[in-house]
């Protein structure tokens, strides 16, 4: 998958000049390639876009959702609680006034990737599911994922990290559903719950 081409085509379609696109791509690539990013990196974007491409025809506003995927983790620091808000603000700020994109939808979609709660806008539910699909990977891949997350939180010792991570994971299990769309629930809900329960057992 050529992320740069997908990104460039998207920005070209919504009205960016080629010079602007090149600069914006370099900024995006730099942000997602920082050494501190072991999971929230370009590979995470690729996996989300693979899901997006499969279910694109289910979306009412595919350009807005694709743009949101590219920017949903643009700002990312393990020690901060406002990454999604800052990412959403940045994403909207770089969109020119006359651009053919629903800025409010982009802002709301990116913010929704913080809490992963049901949304009245179905496109946002799809975005949330694309973001959480990692939870339903085969165990070996899931294990790589949570080890990458641990590296991102390496500033915290185990006695702080483990209960915090367990609490966040239990929050998923306490919800009626992890996934927001019927399609993802049918495909991935059980697998995700098994993985999460297994990880919690390793943390306690």
N, C-alpha and C. Protein backbone atom coordinates (compact mmCIF):
# COMPACT_ATOMS: atom_id res chain seq x y z
N UNK A 1 0.85 -1.20 0.00
CA UNK A 1 0.00 0.00 0.00
C UNK A 1 0.88 1.25 0.00
N UNK A 2 0.60 2.15 -0.94
CA UNK A 2 1.35 3.40 -1.03
C UNK A 2 0.58 4.51 -0.30
N UNK A 3 0.93 4.71 0.95
CA UNK A 3 0.22 5.71 1.76
C UNK A 3 0.31 7.10 1.16
N UNK A 4 1.49 7.45 0.69
CA UNK A 4 1.67 8.80 0.14
C UNK A 4 0.76 9.04 -1.05
N UNK A 5 0.60 8.03 -1.90
CA UNK A 5 -0.29 8.19 -3.07
C UNK A 5 -1.74 8.34 -2.64
N UNK A 6 -2.17 7.51 -1.69
CA UNK A 6 -3.55 7.60 -1.19
C UNK A 6 -3.79 8.99 -0.59
N UNK A 7 -2.83 9.46 0.19
CA UNK A 7 -2.92 10.78 0.82
C UNK A 7 -2.95 11.88 -0.24
N UNK A 8 -2.05 11.79 -1.21
CA UNK A 8 -1.95 12.82 -2.25
C UNK A 8 -3.22 12.86 -3.09
N UNK A 9 -3.74 11.70 -3.44
CA UNK A 9 -4.97 11.66 -4.24
C UNK A 9 -6.13 12.29 -3.47
N UNK A 10 -6.21 11.99 -2.19
CA UNK A 10 -7.28 12.55 -1.36
C UNK A 10 -7.20 14.07 -1.32
N UNK A 11 -6.01 14.60 -1.01
CA UNK A 11 -5.87 16.04 -0.89
C UNK A 11 -6.06 16.75 -2.23
N UNK A 12 -5.63 16.09 -3.29
CA UNK A 12 -5.85 16.65 -4.63
C UNK A 12 -7.35 16.73 -4.94
N UNK A 13 -8.08 15.67 -4.58
CA UNK A 13 -9.52 15.63 -4.84
C UNK A 13 -10.28 16.71 -4.09
N UNK A 14 -9.79 17.08 -2.90
CA UNK A 14 -10.54 18.06 -2.10
C UNK A 14 -9.99 19.48 -2.29
N UNK A 15 -9.01 19.64 -3.20
CA UNK A 15 -8.65 21.00 -3.60
C UNK A 15 -7.31 21.55 -3.18
N UNK A 16 -6.40 20.70 -2.69
CA UNK A 16 -5.06 21.17 -2.35
C UNK A 16 -4.18 21.21 -3.60
N UNK A 17 -3.25 22.16 -3.63
CA UNK A 17 -2.28 22.22 -4.73
C UNK A 17 -1.19 21.17 -4.49
N UNK A 18 -0.46 20.82 -5.56
CA UNK A 18 0.56 19.78 -5.43
C UNK A 18 1.67 20.19 -4.47
N UNK A 19 2.03 21.47 -4.46
CA UNK A 19 3.05 21.95 -3.52
C UNK A 19 2.59 21.81 -2.07
N UNK A 20 1.33 22.17 -1.84
CA UNK A 20 0.76 22.03 -0.48
C UNK A 20 0.74 20.57 -0.06
N UNK A 21 0.36 19.71 -0.99
CA UNK A 21 0.25 18.28 -0.69
C UNK A 21 1.62 17.71 -0.28
N UNK A 22 2.64 18.05 -1.01
CA UNK A 22 3.99 17.55 -0.69
C UNK A 22 4.42 17.98 0.70
N UNK A 23 4.18 19.24 1.02
CA UNK A 23 4.57 19.75 2.34
C UNK A 23 3.76 19.08 3.45
N UNK A 24 2.45 18.96 3.23
CA UNK A 24 1.58 18.35 4.25
C UNK A 24 1.96 16.88 4.47
N UNK A 25 2.32 16.19 3.37
CA UNK A 25 2.72 14.79 3.52
C UNK A 25 3.99 14.68 4.35
N UNK A 26 4.96 15.54 4.08
CA UNK A 26 6.21 15.49 4.85
C UNK A 26 5.94 15.74 6.33
N UNK A 27 5.06 16.67 6.62
CA UNK A 27 4.70 16.95 8.02
C UNK A 27 4.04 15.73 8.67
N UNK A 28 3.15 15.11 7.92
CA UNK A 28 2.44 13.94 8.44
C UNK A 28 3.39 12.77 8.66
N UNK A 29 4.23 12.51 7.66
CA UNK A 29 5.18 11.41 7.73
C UNK A 29 6.13 11.60 8.92
N UNK A 30 6.57 12.82 9.12
CA UNK A 30 7.49 13.14 10.23
C UNK A 30 6.80 12.87 11.57
N UNK A 31 5.56 13.31 11.69
CA UNK A 31 4.83 13.14 12.95
C UNK A 31 4.64 11.67 13.31
N UNK A 32 4.27 10.86 12.32
CA UNK A 32 3.98 9.44 12.58
C UNK A 32 5.24 8.57 12.62
N UNK A 33 6.39 9.16 12.29
CA UNK A 33 7.64 8.38 12.26
C UNK A 33 8.57 8.69 13.43
N UNK A 34 8.08 9.44 14.41
CA UNK A 34 8.92 9.75 15.56
C UNK A 34 9.33 8.46 16.27
N UNK A 35 10.52 8.48 16.86
CA UNK A 35 11.06 7.28 17.51
C UNK A 35 10.18 6.79 18.66
N UNK A 36 9.43 7.70 19.26
CA UNK A 36 8.59 7.33 20.40
C UNK A 36 7.34 6.54 19.98
N UNK A 37 7.08 6.49 18.69
CA UNK A 37 5.86 5.82 18.19
C UNK A 37 6.17 4.38 17.80
N UNK A 38 5.78 3.49 18.65
CA UNK A 38 6.00 2.07 18.37
C UNK A 38 4.75 1.43 17.79
N UNK A 39 3.59 1.97 18.13
CA UNK A 39 2.33 1.47 17.56
C UNK A 39 1.61 2.55 16.75
N UNK A 40 1.49 3.75 17.31
CA UNK A 40 0.72 4.83 16.65
C UNK A 40 1.57 5.47 15.55
N UNK A 41 1.84 4.68 14.52
CA UNK A 41 2.75 5.11 13.47
C UNK A 41 2.11 4.89 12.09
N UNK A 42 2.93 4.96 11.05
CA UNK A 42 2.40 4.82 9.69
C UNK A 42 1.80 3.44 9.44
N UNK A 43 2.32 2.44 10.11
CA UNK A 43 1.78 1.09 9.94
C UNK A 43 0.34 1.00 10.47
N UNK A 44 0.09 1.70 11.58
CA UNK A 44 -1.28 1.76 12.12
C UNK A 44 -2.21 2.41 11.10
N UNK A 45 -1.75 3.48 10.46
CA UNK A 45 -2.57 4.13 9.42
C UNK A 45 -2.86 3.16 8.28
N UNK A 46 -1.84 2.41 7.86
CA UNK A 46 -2.03 1.44 6.77
C UNK A 46 -3.10 0.42 7.11
N UNK A 47 -3.05 -0.09 8.33
CA UNK A 47 -4.04 -1.11 8.73
C UNK A 47 -5.45 -0.52 8.75
N UNK A 48 -5.57 0.71 9.23
CA UNK A 48 -6.89 1.34 9.24
C UNK A 48 -7.39 1.59 7.81
N UNK A 49 -6.48 2.00 6.94
CA UNK A 49 -6.89 2.29 5.56
C UNK A 49 -7.24 1.01 4.81
N UNK A 50 -6.61 -0.09 5.15
CA UNK A 50 -7.01 -1.38 4.56
C UNK A 50 -8.47 -1.67 4.89
N UNK A 51 -8.87 -1.44 6.14
CA UNK A 51 -10.28 -1.62 6.52
C UNK A 51 -11.17 -0.61 5.81
N UNK A 52 -10.71 0.63 5.77
CA UNK A 52 -11.47 1.69 5.09
C UNK A 52 -11.76 1.31 3.64
N UNK A 53 -10.75 0.79 2.94
CA UNK A 53 -10.93 0.44 1.52
C UNK A 53 -11.97 -0.67 1.35
N UNK A 54 -11.99 -1.61 2.30
CA UNK A 54 -12.96 -2.71 2.21
C UNK A 54 -14.39 -2.19 2.39
N UNK A 55 -14.55 -1.23 3.30
CA UNK A 55 -15.91 -0.79 3.67
C UNK A 55 -16.24 0.62 3.18
N UNK A 56 -15.45 1.14 2.27
CA UNK A 56 -15.65 2.51 1.76
C UNK A 56 -17.09 2.74 1.28
N UNK A 57 -17.66 1.72 0.63
CA UNK A 57 -19.00 1.89 0.06
C UNK A 57 -20.10 1.96 1.12
N UNK A 58 -19.74 1.69 2.38
CA UNK A 58 -20.71 1.80 3.48
C UNK A 58 -20.78 3.24 4.02
N UNK A 59 -19.81 4.07 3.61
CA UNK A 59 -19.68 5.40 4.19
C UNK A 59 -20.40 6.45 3.36
N UNK A 60 -21.04 7.39 4.05
CA UNK A 60 -21.68 8.51 3.36
C UNK A 60 -20.66 9.58 2.99
N UNK A 61 -19.62 9.72 3.82
CA UNK A 61 -18.61 10.77 3.61
C UNK A 61 -17.21 10.17 3.65
N UNK A 62 -16.87 9.37 2.64
CA UNK A 62 -15.58 8.66 2.69
C UNK A 62 -14.36 9.58 2.74
N UNK A 63 -14.42 10.72 2.05
CA UNK A 63 -13.26 11.62 2.08
C UNK A 63 -12.99 12.14 3.49
N UNK A 64 -14.06 12.51 4.19
CA UNK A 64 -13.90 13.01 5.55
C UNK A 64 -13.33 11.93 6.47
N UNK A 65 -13.79 10.71 6.31
CA UNK A 65 -13.31 9.62 7.18
C UNK A 65 -11.87 9.28 6.85
N UNK A 66 -11.52 9.25 5.57
CA UNK A 66 -10.13 8.97 5.20
C UNK A 66 -9.20 10.07 5.72
N UNK A 67 -9.61 11.31 5.58
CA UNK A 67 -8.82 12.43 6.10
C UNK A 67 -8.67 12.30 7.62
N UNK A 68 -9.73 11.89 8.28
CA UNK A 68 -9.70 11.71 9.74
C UNK A 68 -8.75 10.59 10.14
N UNK A 69 -8.72 9.53 9.35
CA UNK A 69 -7.77 8.44 9.64
C UNK A 69 -6.35 8.98 9.62
N UNK A 70 -6.02 9.74 8.58
CA UNK A 70 -4.65 10.25 8.46
C UNK A 70 -4.26 11.13 9.63
N UNK A 71 -5.21 11.85 10.20
CA UNK A 71 -4.85 12.84 11.23
C UNK A 71 -5.27 12.46 12.65
N UNK A 72 -5.91 11.30 12.85
CA UNK A 72 -6.48 11.03 14.17
C UNK A 72 -5.44 10.86 15.27
N UNK A 73 -4.21 10.48 14.90
CA UNK A 73 -3.12 10.38 15.89
C UNK A 73 -1.96 11.31 15.53
N UNK A 74 -2.26 12.37 14.81
CA UNK A 74 -1.18 13.28 14.38
C UNK A 74 -0.42 13.81 15.59
N UNK A 75 -1.16 14.22 16.61
CA UNK A 75 -0.55 14.62 17.88
C UNK A 75 -0.65 13.42 18.81
N UNK A 76 0.49 12.94 19.28
CA UNK A 76 0.45 11.77 20.17
C UNK A 76 1.59 11.81 21.18
N UNK A 77 1.20 11.89 22.42
CA UNK A 77 2.16 11.80 23.52
C UNK A 77 1.52 10.94 24.61
N UNK A 78 2.23 9.89 25.03
CA UNK A 78 1.68 8.96 26.01
C UNK A 78 1.35 9.63 27.34
N UNK A 79 1.99 10.75 27.61
CA UNK A 79 1.77 11.41 28.91
C UNK A 79 0.64 12.43 28.87
N UNK A 80 0.02 12.63 27.69
CA UNK A 80 -1.03 13.65 27.55
C UNK A 80 -2.40 13.00 27.38
N UNK A 81 -3.42 13.75 27.81
CA UNK A 81 -4.80 13.23 27.73
C UNK A 81 -5.61 13.90 26.62
N UNK A 82 -4.99 14.87 25.93
CA UNK A 82 -5.75 15.64 24.93
C UNK A 82 -5.23 15.42 23.51
N UNK A 83 -4.62 14.27 23.26
CA UNK A 83 -4.05 14.01 21.93
C UNK A 83 -5.08 14.10 20.81
N UNK A 84 -6.24 13.50 21.04
CA UNK A 84 -7.27 13.47 20.00
C UNK A 84 -7.81 14.88 19.73
N UNK A 85 -8.04 15.63 20.79
CA UNK A 85 -8.52 17.00 20.62
C UNK A 85 -7.50 17.84 19.85
N UNK A 86 -6.24 17.74 20.24
CA UNK A 86 -5.17 18.49 19.55
C UNK A 86 -5.04 18.05 18.10
N UNK A 87 -5.17 16.74 17.86
CA UNK A 87 -5.11 16.22 16.48
C UNK A 87 -6.28 16.76 15.66
N UNK A 88 -7.47 16.77 16.26
CA UNK A 88 -8.66 17.27 15.57
C UNK A 88 -8.52 18.76 15.25
N UNK A 89 -8.02 19.52 16.21
CA UNK A 89 -7.83 20.96 15.98
C UNK A 89 -6.83 21.20 14.86
N UNK A 90 -5.76 20.42 14.86
CA UNK A 90 -4.74 20.57 13.81
C UNK A 90 -5.32 20.22 12.45
N UNK A 91 -6.03 19.09 12.38
CA UNK A 91 -6.59 18.62 11.11
C UNK A 91 -7.51 19.66 10.48
N UNK A 92 -8.36 20.26 11.30
CA UNK A 92 -9.30 21.27 10.80
C UNK A 92 -8.55 22.55 10.42
N UNK A 93 -7.53 22.88 11.19
CA UNK A 93 -6.78 24.13 10.95
C UNK A 93 -6.06 24.13 9.60
N UNK A 94 -5.64 22.95 9.13
CA UNK A 94 -4.91 22.93 7.86
C UNK A 94 -5.83 22.89 6.65
N UNK A 95 -7.13 22.82 6.88
CA UNK A 95 -8.09 22.81 5.77
C UNK A 95 -8.43 24.25 5.38
N UNK A 96 -8.17 24.65 4.14
CA UNK A 96 -8.50 26.00 3.70
C UNK A 96 -10.01 26.25 3.77
N UNK A 97 -10.38 27.53 3.81
CA UNK A 97 -11.79 27.93 3.95
C UNK A 97 -12.67 27.33 2.86
N UNK A 98 -12.18 27.34 1.63
CA UNK A 98 -13.03 26.96 0.49
C UNK A 98 -12.96 25.47 0.15
N UNK A 99 -12.41 24.68 1.06
CA UNK A 99 -12.19 23.26 0.75
C UNK A 99 -13.51 22.50 0.76
N UNK A 100 -13.57 21.47 -0.07
CA UNK A 100 -14.81 20.69 -0.19
C UNK A 100 -14.78 19.52 0.79
N UNK A 101 -14.88 19.85 2.08
CA UNK A 101 -14.84 18.83 3.11
C UNK A 101 -15.63 19.32 4.32
N UNK A 102 -16.35 18.43 4.96
CA UNK A 102 -17.14 18.77 6.15
C UNK A 102 -16.21 18.81 7.36
N UNK A 103 -15.80 20.02 7.73
CA UNK A 103 -14.82 20.18 8.81
C UNK A 103 -15.35 19.71 10.15
N UNK A 104 -16.63 19.94 10.40
CA UNK A 104 -17.20 19.52 11.68
C UNK A 104 -17.18 18.01 11.83
N UNK A 105 -17.46 17.33 10.73
CA UNK A 105 -17.43 15.86 10.76
C UNK A 105 -16.01 15.37 11.03
N UNK A 106 -15.03 15.98 10.39
CA UNK A 106 -13.62 15.61 10.62
C UNK A 106 -13.27 15.81 12.10
N UNK A 107 -13.63 16.98 12.63
CA UNK A 107 -13.32 17.29 14.03
C UNK A 107 -13.97 16.28 14.97
N UNK A 108 -15.25 16.04 14.77
CA UNK A 108 -16.00 15.13 15.65
C UNK A 108 -15.49 13.69 15.53
N UNK A 109 -15.14 13.30 14.30
CA UNK A 109 -14.67 11.92 14.07
C UNK A 109 -13.36 11.67 14.80
N UNK A 110 -12.43 12.60 14.68
CA UNK A 110 -11.12 12.42 15.34
C UNK A 110 -11.29 12.42 16.86
N UNK A 111 -12.09 13.32 17.37
CA UNK A 111 -12.32 13.36 18.82
C UNK A 111 -12.95 12.06 19.32
N UNK A 112 -13.77 11.43 18.49
CA UNK A 112 -14.46 10.19 18.88
C UNK A 112 -13.51 9.02 19.06
N UNK A 113 -12.29 9.13 18.51
CA UNK A 113 -11.34 8.02 18.67
C UNK A 113 -10.68 8.03 20.04
N UNK A 114 -11.07 8.98 20.89
CA UNK A 114 -10.55 8.96 22.27
C UNK A 114 -11.35 8.00 23.14
N UNK A 115 -12.65 8.13 23.14
CA UNK A 115 -13.50 7.34 24.04
C UNK A 115 -14.06 6.07 23.39
N UNK A 116 -14.12 6.05 22.05
CA UNK A 116 -14.63 4.88 21.32
C UNK A 116 -16.04 4.50 21.77
N UNK A 117 -16.90 5.51 21.90
CA UNK A 117 -18.28 5.28 22.30
C UNK A 117 -19.22 5.37 21.10
N UNK A 118 -20.41 4.73 21.20
CA UNK A 118 -21.35 4.78 20.07
C UNK A 118 -21.65 6.22 19.67
N UNK A 119 -21.77 6.45 18.37
CA UNK A 119 -22.02 7.79 17.85
C UNK A 119 -23.26 7.79 16.98
N UNK A 120 -23.98 8.88 16.99
CA UNK A 120 -25.21 8.94 16.18
C UNK A 120 -24.88 9.04 14.69
N UNK A 121 -23.64 9.40 14.37
CA UNK A 121 -23.21 9.44 12.96
C UNK A 121 -22.54 8.11 12.62
N UNK A 122 -23.14 7.38 11.71
CA UNK A 122 -22.66 6.03 11.42
C UNK A 122 -21.24 6.01 10.85
N UNK A 123 -20.90 7.02 10.07
CA UNK A 123 -19.52 7.09 9.54
C UNK A 123 -18.49 7.11 10.67
N UNK A 124 -18.82 7.79 11.74
CA UNK A 124 -17.90 7.86 12.88
C UNK A 124 -17.79 6.50 13.56
N UNK A 125 -18.90 5.78 13.61
CA UNK A 125 -18.85 4.41 14.17
C UNK A 125 -17.91 3.52 13.35
N UNK A 126 -17.93 3.69 12.04
CA UNK A 126 -17.01 2.92 11.19
C UNK A 126 -15.56 3.28 11.50
N UNK A 127 -15.29 4.57 11.64
CA UNK A 127 -13.92 5.01 11.96
C UNK A 127 -13.45 4.41 13.28
N UNK A 128 -14.30 4.43 14.29
CA UNK A 128 -13.96 3.84 15.59
C UNK A 128 -13.61 2.36 15.42
N UNK A 129 -14.41 1.66 14.64
CA UNK A 129 -14.15 0.23 14.44
C UNK A 129 -12.85 -0.02 13.68
N UNK A 130 -12.56 0.81 12.70
CA UNK A 130 -11.28 0.68 11.99
C UNK A 130 -10.12 0.84 12.98
N UNK A 131 -10.27 1.76 13.91
CA UNK A 131 -9.22 2.05 14.89
C UNK A 131 -9.03 0.89 15.87
N UNK A 132 -10.12 0.20 16.20
CA UNK A 132 -10.07 -0.85 17.23
C UNK A 132 -9.91 -2.26 16.66
N UNK A 133 -9.84 -2.39 15.36
CA UNK A 133 -9.77 -3.73 14.76
C UNK A 133 -8.57 -4.52 15.28
N UNK A 134 -7.51 -3.83 15.66
CA UNK A 134 -6.30 -4.47 16.20
C UNK A 134 -6.63 -5.38 17.38
N UNK A 135 -7.68 -5.05 18.13
CA UNK A 135 -8.03 -5.82 19.33
C UNK A 135 -8.45 -7.25 18.99
N UNK A 136 -8.80 -7.49 17.74
CA UNK A 136 -9.30 -8.81 17.35
C UNK A 136 -8.29 -9.58 16.49
N UNK A 137 -7.04 -9.17 16.53
CA UNK A 137 -6.00 -9.89 15.78
C UNK A 137 -5.74 -11.26 16.42
N UNK A 138 -5.07 -12.13 15.66
CA UNK A 138 -4.60 -13.38 16.25
C UNK A 138 -3.68 -13.04 17.42
N UNK A 139 -3.63 -13.93 18.40
CA UNK A 139 -2.95 -13.62 19.67
C UNK A 139 -1.51 -13.14 19.48
N UNK A 140 -0.75 -13.77 18.61
CA UNK A 140 0.65 -13.37 18.42
C UNK A 140 0.75 -11.92 17.94
N UNK A 141 -0.14 -11.54 17.03
CA UNK A 141 -0.15 -10.15 16.53
C UNK A 141 -0.67 -9.21 17.61
N UNK A 142 -1.66 -9.66 18.36
CA UNK A 142 -2.19 -8.85 19.45
C UNK A 142 -1.10 -8.61 20.51
N UNK A 143 -0.32 -9.64 20.76
CA UNK A 143 0.77 -9.53 21.74
C UNK A 143 1.80 -8.49 21.28
N UNK A 144 2.12 -8.49 20.00
CA UNK A 144 3.04 -7.47 19.45
C UNK A 144 2.45 -6.08 19.67
N UNK A 145 1.14 -5.95 19.45
CA UNK A 145 0.45 -4.67 19.65
C UNK A 145 0.59 -4.18 21.08
N UNK A 146 0.29 -5.03 22.08
CA UNK A 146 0.34 -4.49 23.44
C UNK A 146 1.77 -4.29 23.93
N UNK A 147 2.71 -5.01 23.34
CA UNK A 147 4.12 -4.76 23.66
C UNK A 147 4.57 -3.41 23.08
N UNK A 148 4.04 -3.08 21.91
CA UNK A 148 4.34 -1.77 21.31
C UNK A 148 3.74 -0.64 22.15
N UNK A 149 2.52 -0.86 22.63
CA UNK A 149 1.89 0.15 23.49
C UNK A 149 2.71 0.34 24.77
N UNK A 150 3.20 -0.76 25.33
CA UNK A 150 4.02 -0.66 26.55
C UNK A 150 5.26 0.19 26.30
N UNK A 151 5.87 0.02 25.13
CA UNK A 151 7.06 0.82 24.79
C UNK A 151 6.71 2.31 24.70
N UNK A 152 5.53 2.60 24.19
CA UNK A 152 5.13 4.01 24.10
C UNK A 152 4.92 4.62 25.49
N UNK A 153 4.59 3.78 26.44
CA UNK A 153 4.38 4.24 27.82
C UNK A 153 5.56 3.90 28.72
N UNK A 154 6.74 3.79 28.13
CA UNK A 154 7.90 3.33 28.91
C UNK A 154 8.32 4.32 29.99
N UNK A 155 7.85 5.56 29.92
CA UNK A 155 8.18 6.52 30.99
C UNK A 155 7.53 6.13 32.31
N UNK A 156 6.53 5.23 32.23
CA UNK A 156 5.83 4.81 33.46
C UNK A 156 6.35 3.45 33.94
N UNK A 157 6.68 3.31 35.21
CA UNK A 157 7.09 2.00 35.74
C UNK A 157 5.89 1.05 35.78
N UNK A 158 6.17 -0.25 35.87
CA UNK A 158 5.10 -1.27 35.86
C UNK A 158 4.02 -1.03 36.91
N UNK A 159 4.44 -0.57 38.09
CA UNK A 159 3.44 -0.44 39.16
C UNK A 159 2.42 0.66 38.85
N UNK A 160 2.75 1.56 37.92
CA UNK A 160 1.78 2.56 37.47
C UNK A 160 1.11 2.11 36.16
N UNK A 161 1.92 1.56 35.26
CA UNK A 161 1.39 1.21 33.94
C UNK A 161 0.38 0.07 34.00
N UNK A 162 0.72 -1.00 34.70
CA UNK A 162 -0.12 -2.20 34.67
C UNK A 162 -1.55 -1.95 35.15
N UNK A 163 -1.74 -1.30 36.33
CA UNK A 163 -3.13 -1.04 36.73
C UNK A 163 -3.85 -0.08 35.79
N UNK A 164 -3.11 0.89 35.25
CA UNK A 164 -3.72 1.83 34.31
C UNK A 164 -4.17 1.16 33.03
N UNK A 165 -3.33 0.30 32.50
CA UNK A 165 -3.67 -0.44 31.28
C UNK A 165 -4.83 -1.40 31.54
N UNK A 166 -4.78 -2.09 32.68
CA UNK A 166 -5.86 -3.03 33.02
C UNK A 166 -7.20 -2.29 33.14
N UNK A 167 -7.16 -1.11 33.73
CA UNK A 167 -8.39 -0.32 33.90
C UNK A 167 -8.96 0.08 32.53
N UNK A 168 -8.07 0.50 31.64
CA UNK A 168 -8.52 0.90 30.29
C UNK A 168 -9.11 -0.29 29.55
N UNK A 169 -8.49 -1.46 29.69
CA UNK A 169 -9.00 -2.65 29.01
C UNK A 169 -10.33 -3.10 29.59
N UNK A 170 -10.45 -3.04 30.92
CA UNK A 170 -11.72 -3.43 31.56
C UNK A 170 -12.86 -2.54 31.10
N UNK A 171 -12.53 -1.29 30.81
CA UNK A 171 -13.55 -0.35 30.33
C UNK A 171 -14.17 -0.86 29.02
N UNK A 172 -13.34 -1.45 28.15
CA UNK A 172 -13.88 -2.04 26.92
C UNK A 172 -14.84 -3.17 27.24
N UNK A 173 -14.46 -4.02 28.19
CA UNK A 173 -15.29 -5.18 28.52
C UNK A 173 -16.59 -4.78 29.18
N UNK A 174 -16.59 -3.65 29.87
CA UNK A 174 -17.79 -3.19 30.58
C UNK A 174 -18.85 -2.64 29.62
N UNK A 175 -18.41 -2.21 28.44
CA UNK A 175 -19.37 -1.73 27.45
C UNK A 175 -20.16 -2.91 26.89
N UNK A 176 -21.38 -2.64 26.49
CA UNK A 176 -22.20 -3.71 25.91
C UNK A 176 -21.50 -4.30 24.69
N UNK A 177 -20.90 -3.42 23.89
CA UNK A 177 -20.14 -3.86 22.72
C UNK A 177 -18.84 -3.08 22.63
N UNK A 178 -17.79 -3.73 22.12
CA UNK A 178 -16.54 -3.03 21.81
C UNK A 178 -16.67 -2.31 20.48
N UNK A 179 -17.24 -3.02 19.51
CA UNK A 179 -17.37 -2.47 18.16
C UNK A 179 -18.74 -1.84 17.97
N UNK A 180 -18.79 -0.83 17.10
CA UNK A 180 -20.00 -0.03 16.95
C UNK A 180 -20.87 -0.45 15.77
N UNK A 181 -20.29 -1.11 14.78
CA UNK A 181 -21.09 -1.54 13.62
C UNK A 181 -21.44 -3.02 13.74
N UNK A 182 -22.57 -3.39 13.19
CA UNK A 182 -22.98 -4.79 13.22
C UNK A 182 -21.96 -5.67 12.51
N UNK A 183 -21.40 -5.17 11.42
CA UNK A 183 -20.42 -5.95 10.65
C UNK A 183 -19.23 -6.33 11.52
N UNK A 184 -18.66 -5.36 12.22
CA UNK A 184 -17.48 -5.63 13.03
C UNK A 184 -17.84 -6.44 14.27
N UNK A 185 -19.02 -6.22 14.81
CA UNK A 185 -19.43 -7.03 15.98
C UNK A 185 -19.50 -8.50 15.60
N UNK A 186 -20.10 -8.77 14.46
CA UNK A 186 -20.25 -10.16 14.02
C UNK A 186 -18.89 -10.80 13.73
N UNK A 187 -17.99 -10.03 13.17
CA UNK A 187 -16.69 -10.58 12.78
C UNK A 187 -15.69 -10.65 13.93
N UNK A 188 -15.70 -9.64 14.81
CA UNK A 188 -14.55 -9.44 15.70
C UNK A 188 -14.84 -9.35 17.19
N UNK A 189 -16.09 -9.20 17.58
CA UNK A 189 -16.40 -8.92 19.00
C UNK A 189 -15.85 -10.01 19.93
N UNK A 190 -16.15 -11.26 19.64
CA UNK A 190 -15.73 -12.36 20.53
C UNK A 190 -14.22 -12.45 20.64
N UNK A 191 -13.55 -12.36 19.50
CA UNK A 191 -12.09 -12.46 19.47
C UNK A 191 -11.46 -11.34 20.29
N UNK A 192 -11.98 -10.14 20.13
CA UNK A 192 -11.44 -8.99 20.86
C UNK A 192 -11.59 -9.17 22.37
N UNK A 193 -12.75 -9.65 22.79
CA UNK A 193 -12.97 -9.85 24.23
C UNK A 193 -12.03 -10.92 24.80
N UNK A 194 -11.81 -11.97 24.05
CA UNK A 194 -10.89 -13.02 24.50
C UNK A 194 -9.48 -12.47 24.65
N UNK A 195 -9.03 -11.69 23.65
CA UNK A 195 -7.69 -11.09 23.71
C UNK A 195 -7.54 -10.16 24.90
N UNK A 196 -8.55 -9.32 25.10
CA UNK A 196 -8.49 -8.34 26.19
C UNK A 196 -8.45 -9.05 27.54
N UNK A 197 -9.29 -10.05 27.72
CA UNK A 197 -9.31 -10.80 28.99
C UNK A 197 -7.95 -11.47 29.23
N UNK A 198 -7.36 -11.98 28.17
CA UNK A 198 -6.06 -12.64 28.30
C UNK A 198 -4.98 -11.63 28.68
N UNK A 199 -5.02 -10.46 28.06
CA UNK A 199 -4.01 -9.43 28.41
C UNK A 199 -4.19 -8.99 29.85
N UNK A 200 -5.43 -8.78 30.28
CA UNK A 200 -5.69 -8.37 31.67
C UNK A 200 -5.10 -9.39 32.64
N UNK A 201 -5.25 -10.67 32.31
CA UNK A 201 -4.72 -11.72 33.20
C UNK A 201 -3.21 -11.64 33.32
N UNK A 202 -2.54 -11.12 32.30
CA UNK A 202 -1.09 -10.95 32.35
C UNK A 202 -0.66 -9.71 33.14
N UNK A 203 -1.59 -8.77 33.27
CA UNK A 203 -1.29 -7.51 33.97
C UNK A 203 -1.52 -7.58 35.46
N UNK A 204 -2.43 -8.44 35.87
CA UNK A 204 -2.83 -8.50 37.30
C UNK A 204 -1.80 -9.29 38.12
